[in-house]
Amino acid sequence: MEIPKRTRKNKEKIECEDRCPFHGNLSVRGRKFEGIVKKIVGQRAVLELKRMIYYPKYERFARLKSKLHAHIPKCLGGKIKIGDHVEVGECRPLSKIIHFVVIGEIK
């Protein structure tokens, strides 16, 4: 059996083995959201999603915020900072609270 050479492309694939939608085998399916990164804890980002909801009884709109936890792949680890506007996609449950993965940064 021949051992593959460590090329730049090969090295990147080894780093993002399992939990990466680009280099690993994590499939992104379902809904996609855009939000602002409020906190980064290890390989997890806490996003804040803002939305408007209409209450017909009062004929008014209300602003609501939701928190969402997303996994940051190793290939995007150094690029994502607090305050960035990012896009996340739904994936299989990675832990008790993480069901999303960061797809990319929106500029």
N, C-alpha and C. Protein backbone atom coordinates (compact mmCIF):
# COMPACT_ATOMS: atom_id res chain seq x y z
N MET A 1 0.84 -1.18 0.00
CA MET A 1 0.00 0.00 0.00
C MET A 1 0.89 1.24 0.00
N GLU A 2 0.58 2.16 -0.87
CA GLU A 2 1.39 3.37 -1.02
C GLU A 2 0.85 4.48 -0.12
N ILE A 3 1.75 5.15 0.59
CA ILE A 3 1.37 6.24 1.47
C ILE A 3 1.30 7.52 0.64
N PRO A 4 0.16 8.26 0.71
CA PRO A 4 0.06 9.48 -0.09
C PRO A 4 1.02 10.56 0.41
N LYS A 5 1.54 11.35 -0.51
CA LYS A 5 2.44 12.45 -0.15
C LYS A 5 1.64 13.57 0.51
N ARG A 6 2.31 14.29 1.40
CA ARG A 6 1.65 15.40 2.09
C ARG A 6 1.75 16.66 1.26
N THR A 7 0.82 16.82 0.37
CA THR A 7 0.77 18.05 -0.42
C THR A 7 -0.12 19.04 0.30
N ARG A 8 -0.14 20.24 -0.20
CA ARG A 8 -0.96 21.27 0.44
C ARG A 8 -2.44 20.89 0.44
N LYS A 9 -2.91 20.38 -0.67
CA LYS A 9 -4.32 19.97 -0.79
C LYS A 9 -4.61 18.79 0.14
N ASN A 10 -3.70 17.84 0.18
CA ASN A 10 -3.86 16.66 1.01
C ASN A 10 -3.86 17.04 2.49
N LYS A 11 -2.97 17.95 2.88
CA LYS A 11 -2.87 18.38 4.27
C LYS A 11 -4.16 19.06 4.72
N GLU A 12 -4.75 19.89 3.85
CA GLU A 12 -6.00 20.58 4.18
C GLU A 12 -7.13 19.58 4.39
N LYS A 13 -7.16 18.54 3.59
CA LYS A 13 -8.20 17.53 3.72
C LYS A 13 -8.06 16.76 5.02
N ILE A 14 -6.83 16.49 5.43
CA ILE A 14 -6.61 15.76 6.67
C ILE A 14 -7.04 16.60 7.87
N GLU A 15 -6.81 17.92 7.83
CA GLU A 15 -7.19 18.79 8.93
C GLU A 15 -8.71 18.87 9.10
N CYS A 16 -9.46 18.91 8.01
CA CYS A 16 -10.92 19.05 8.05
C CYS A 16 -11.59 17.71 7.78
N GLU A 17 -11.19 16.69 8.45
CA GLU A 17 -11.62 15.34 8.11
C GLU A 17 -13.13 15.13 8.12
N ASP A 18 -13.77 15.26 9.29
CA ASP A 18 -15.15 14.81 9.42
C ASP A 18 -16.16 15.96 9.41
N ARG A 19 -15.98 16.96 10.22
CA ARG A 19 -17.00 17.98 10.44
C ARG A 19 -16.81 19.21 9.58
N CYS A 20 -16.63 19.01 8.29
CA CYS A 20 -16.47 20.13 7.36
C CYS A 20 -17.33 19.87 6.13
N PRO A 21 -18.18 20.82 5.73
CA PRO A 21 -19.00 20.60 4.54
C PRO A 21 -18.21 20.69 3.24
N PHE A 22 -17.00 21.26 3.28
CA PHE A 22 -16.20 21.44 2.08
C PHE A 22 -15.21 20.29 1.87
N HIS A 23 -14.52 19.86 2.93
CA HIS A 23 -13.47 18.86 2.81
C HIS A 23 -13.83 17.53 3.47
N GLY A 24 -14.82 17.51 4.34
CA GLY A 24 -15.22 16.30 5.05
C GLY A 24 -16.48 15.71 4.47
N ASN A 25 -17.16 14.92 5.30
CA ASN A 25 -18.37 14.25 4.83
C ASN A 25 -19.63 14.76 5.54
N LEU A 26 -19.62 16.01 5.98
CA LEU A 26 -20.78 16.61 6.63
C LEU A 26 -21.67 17.25 5.56
N SER A 27 -22.89 16.77 5.44
CA SER A 27 -23.79 17.32 4.43
C SER A 27 -24.64 18.44 5.02
N VAL A 28 -24.79 19.51 4.26
CA VAL A 28 -25.62 20.64 4.66
C VAL A 28 -26.96 20.50 3.97
N ARG A 29 -28.03 20.44 4.76
CA ARG A 29 -29.37 20.28 4.20
C ARG A 29 -30.33 21.08 5.05
N GLY A 30 -31.46 21.37 4.53
CA GLY A 30 -32.45 22.11 5.30
C GLY A 30 -32.32 23.61 5.12
N ARG A 31 -32.53 24.35 6.21
CA ARG A 31 -32.58 25.80 6.15
C ARG A 31 -31.20 26.44 6.29
N LYS A 32 -31.09 27.65 5.76
CA LYS A 32 -29.87 28.44 5.88
C LYS A 32 -30.23 29.78 6.50
N PHE A 33 -29.36 30.26 7.38
CA PHE A 33 -29.59 31.52 8.07
C PHE A 33 -28.37 32.41 7.96
N GLU A 34 -28.59 33.71 8.16
CA GLU A 34 -27.51 34.68 8.23
C GLU A 34 -27.61 35.36 9.58
N GLY A 35 -26.46 35.54 10.23
CA GLY A 35 -26.47 36.16 11.55
C GLY A 35 -25.13 36.77 11.89
N ILE A 36 -25.07 37.41 13.04
CA ILE A 36 -23.86 38.06 13.53
C ILE A 36 -23.27 37.21 14.65
N VAL A 37 -21.96 36.99 14.60
CA VAL A 37 -21.28 36.19 15.61
C VAL A 37 -21.15 37.03 16.88
N LYS A 38 -21.71 36.54 17.98
CA LYS A 38 -21.66 37.25 19.26
C LYS A 38 -20.59 36.69 20.18
N LYS A 39 -20.31 35.38 20.07
CA LYS A 39 -19.34 34.75 20.95
C LYS A 39 -18.74 33.56 20.24
N ILE A 40 -17.46 33.29 20.49
CA ILE A 40 -16.80 32.10 19.96
C ILE A 40 -16.26 31.31 21.14
N VAL A 41 -16.67 30.05 21.25
CA VAL A 41 -16.23 29.16 22.33
C VAL A 41 -15.63 27.92 21.68
N GLY A 42 -14.31 27.85 21.63
CA GLY A 42 -13.65 26.71 21.00
C GLY A 42 -13.95 26.65 19.52
N GLN A 43 -14.59 25.57 19.08
CA GLN A 43 -14.98 25.40 17.67
C GLN A 43 -16.45 25.73 17.44
N ARG A 44 -17.05 26.47 18.38
CA ARG A 44 -18.47 26.80 18.28
C ARG A 44 -18.66 28.31 18.24
N ALA A 45 -19.58 28.75 17.40
CA ALA A 45 -19.92 30.18 17.32
C ALA A 45 -21.37 30.34 17.79
N VAL A 46 -21.60 31.38 18.58
CA VAL A 46 -22.95 31.71 19.00
C VAL A 46 -23.39 32.89 18.14
N LEU A 47 -24.47 32.67 17.37
CA LEU A 47 -24.97 33.69 16.44
C LEU A 47 -26.23 34.32 17.00
N GLU A 48 -26.44 35.56 16.62
CA GLU A 48 -27.67 36.26 16.97
C GLU A 48 -28.43 36.55 15.69
N LEU A 49 -29.65 36.05 15.61
CA LEU A 49 -30.50 36.26 14.45
C LEU A 49 -31.58 37.27 14.81
N LYS A 50 -31.74 38.28 13.98
CA LYS A 50 -32.78 39.29 14.21
C LYS A 50 -33.87 39.11 13.16
N ARG A 51 -35.12 39.24 13.61
CA ARG A 51 -36.23 39.11 12.68
C ARG A 51 -37.40 39.98 13.15
N MET A 52 -38.28 40.26 12.21
CA MET A 52 -39.48 41.05 12.50
C MET A 52 -40.69 40.12 12.46
N ILE A 53 -41.58 40.29 13.42
CA ILE A 53 -42.80 39.49 13.46
C ILE A 53 -43.99 40.45 13.59
N TYR A 54 -45.06 40.12 12.92
CA TYR A 54 -46.25 40.97 12.89
C TYR A 54 -47.32 40.39 13.82
N TYR A 55 -47.87 41.24 14.70
CA TYR A 55 -48.97 40.86 15.57
C TYR A 55 -50.26 41.48 15.04
N PRO A 56 -51.14 40.67 14.41
CA PRO A 56 -52.35 41.23 13.80
C PRO A 56 -53.30 41.89 14.81
N LYS A 57 -53.34 41.39 16.03
CA LYS A 57 -54.25 41.95 17.04
C LYS A 57 -53.91 43.42 17.33
N TYR A 58 -52.62 43.72 17.41
CA TYR A 58 -52.19 45.07 17.72
C TYR A 58 -51.79 45.87 16.48
N GLU A 59 -51.80 45.22 15.32
CA GLU A 59 -51.41 45.83 14.05
C GLU A 59 -50.03 46.50 14.16
N ARG A 60 -49.10 45.80 14.78
CA ARG A 60 -47.74 46.29 14.99
C ARG A 60 -46.72 45.20 14.68
N PHE A 61 -45.50 45.65 14.42
CA PHE A 61 -44.38 44.74 14.24
C PHE A 61 -43.55 44.72 15.52
N ALA A 62 -42.90 43.59 15.77
CA ALA A 62 -42.00 43.47 16.91
C ALA A 62 -40.67 42.90 16.42
N ARG A 63 -39.60 43.39 17.02
CA ARG A 63 -38.27 42.87 16.69
C ARG A 63 -37.94 41.77 17.68
N LEU A 64 -37.54 40.61 17.16
CA LEU A 64 -37.16 39.49 18.01
C LEU A 64 -35.75 39.06 17.69
N LYS A 65 -35.07 38.53 18.71
CA LYS A 65 -33.72 38.01 18.54
C LYS A 65 -33.70 36.56 18.99
N SER A 66 -32.93 35.75 18.28
CA SER A 66 -32.74 34.35 18.64
C SER A 66 -31.26 34.03 18.64
N LYS A 67 -30.87 33.10 19.50
CA LYS A 67 -29.49 32.63 19.52
C LYS A 67 -29.42 31.28 18.84
N LEU A 68 -28.32 31.06 18.16
CA LEU A 68 -28.13 29.82 17.42
C LEU A 68 -26.67 29.41 17.57
N HIS A 69 -26.42 28.14 17.84
CA HIS A 69 -25.06 27.64 18.00
C HIS A 69 -24.65 26.90 16.74
N ALA A 70 -23.46 27.21 16.22
CA ALA A 70 -22.99 26.60 14.98
C ALA A 70 -21.53 26.18 15.12
N HIS A 71 -21.20 25.07 14.47
CA HIS A 71 -19.83 24.56 14.46
C HIS A 71 -19.00 25.34 13.45
N ILE A 72 -17.76 25.67 13.82
CA ILE A 72 -16.84 26.34 12.90
C ILE A 72 -15.84 25.30 12.41
N PRO A 73 -15.82 24.98 11.11
CA PRO A 73 -14.84 24.02 10.59
C PRO A 73 -13.42 24.56 10.75
N LYS A 74 -12.45 23.67 10.80
CA LYS A 74 -11.05 24.07 11.00
C LYS A 74 -10.54 24.94 9.86
N CYS A 75 -11.04 24.74 8.65
CA CYS A 75 -10.57 25.55 7.52
C CYS A 75 -11.05 26.99 7.61
N LEU A 76 -12.14 27.26 8.36
CA LEU A 76 -12.64 28.62 8.55
C LEU A 76 -12.31 29.17 9.93
N GLY A 77 -11.61 28.41 10.74
CA GLY A 77 -11.37 28.78 12.14
C GLY A 77 -10.69 30.12 12.33
N GLY A 78 -9.67 30.43 11.56
CA GLY A 78 -8.96 31.69 11.74
C GLY A 78 -9.63 32.87 11.08
N LYS A 79 -10.58 32.62 10.21
CA LYS A 79 -11.23 33.70 9.45
C LYS A 79 -12.43 34.31 10.17
N ILE A 80 -13.11 33.52 10.99
CA ILE A 80 -14.33 33.97 11.66
C ILE A 80 -13.97 34.68 12.97
N LYS A 81 -14.42 35.91 13.13
CA LYS A 81 -14.17 36.71 14.33
C LYS A 81 -15.50 37.18 14.91
N ILE A 82 -15.46 37.68 16.12
CA ILE A 82 -16.66 38.21 16.76
C ILE A 82 -17.10 39.48 16.02
N GLY A 83 -18.39 39.56 15.72
CA GLY A 83 -18.95 40.70 15.01
C GLY A 83 -19.09 40.47 13.52
N ASP A 84 -18.59 39.35 13.00
CA ASP A 84 -18.70 39.05 11.57
C ASP A 84 -20.12 38.63 11.20
N HIS A 85 -20.51 38.92 9.99
CA HIS A 85 -21.80 38.51 9.43
C HIS A 85 -21.55 37.21 8.67
N VAL A 86 -22.11 36.09 9.14
CA VAL A 86 -21.83 34.78 8.55
C VAL A 86 -23.12 34.08 8.13
N GLU A 87 -22.95 33.08 7.27
CA GLU A 87 -24.06 32.24 6.82
C GLU A 87 -23.87 30.85 7.41
N VAL A 88 -24.95 30.28 7.95
CA VAL A 88 -24.91 28.94 8.52
C VAL A 88 -25.94 28.07 7.83
N GLY A 89 -25.67 26.77 7.79
CA GLY A 89 -26.59 25.82 7.20
C GLY A 89 -26.90 24.69 8.17
N GLU A 90 -28.07 24.14 8.05
CA GLU A 90 -28.50 23.06 8.92
C GLU A 90 -27.80 21.77 8.53
N CYS A 91 -27.42 20.98 9.54
CA CYS A 91 -26.76 19.69 9.29
C CYS A 91 -27.25 18.71 10.34
N ARG A 92 -26.64 17.55 10.37
CA ARG A 92 -27.02 16.55 11.38
C ARG A 92 -26.62 17.07 12.76
N PRO A 93 -27.23 16.57 13.84
CA PRO A 93 -26.84 17.03 15.17
C PRO A 93 -25.39 16.64 15.48
N LEU A 94 -24.57 17.64 15.79
CA LEU A 94 -23.17 17.40 16.13
C LEU A 94 -22.98 17.25 17.63
N SER A 95 -23.86 17.86 18.42
CA SER A 95 -23.85 17.71 19.87
C SER A 95 -25.26 18.03 20.37
N LYS A 96 -25.38 18.22 21.66
CA LYS A 96 -26.69 18.49 22.24
C LYS A 96 -27.30 19.79 21.72
N ILE A 97 -26.47 20.82 21.50
CA ILE A 97 -27.00 22.11 21.09
C ILE A 97 -26.56 22.55 19.70
N ILE A 98 -25.61 21.87 19.10
CA ILE A 98 -25.09 22.29 17.79
C ILE A 98 -25.73 21.46 16.68
N HIS A 99 -26.54 22.14 15.85
CA HIS A 99 -27.20 21.50 14.72
C HIS A 99 -26.96 22.26 13.42
N PHE A 100 -26.02 23.21 13.47
CA PHE A 100 -25.71 24.04 12.31
C PHE A 100 -24.19 24.10 12.13
N VAL A 101 -23.77 24.43 10.91
CA VAL A 101 -22.35 24.58 10.60
C VAL A 101 -22.18 25.87 9.81
N VAL A 102 -21.05 26.57 10.09
CA VAL A 102 -20.77 27.83 9.40
C VAL A 102 -20.34 27.51 7.98
N ILE A 103 -21.00 28.12 6.98
CA ILE A 103 -20.70 27.90 5.57
C ILE A 103 -19.71 28.92 5.07
N GLY A 104 -19.87 30.18 5.49
CA GLY A 104 -18.96 31.21 5.02
C GLY A 104 -19.26 32.56 5.61
N GLU A 105 -18.38 33.50 5.33
CA GLU A 105 -18.55 34.86 5.81
C GLU A 105 -19.17 35.70 4.72
N ILE A 106 -20.11 36.57 5.09
CA ILE A 106 -20.77 37.46 4.15
C ILE A 106 -20.16 38.85 4.32
N LYS A 107 -19.77 39.45 3.23
CA LYS A 107 -19.11 40.77 3.33
C LYS A 107 -20.02 41.88 2.90
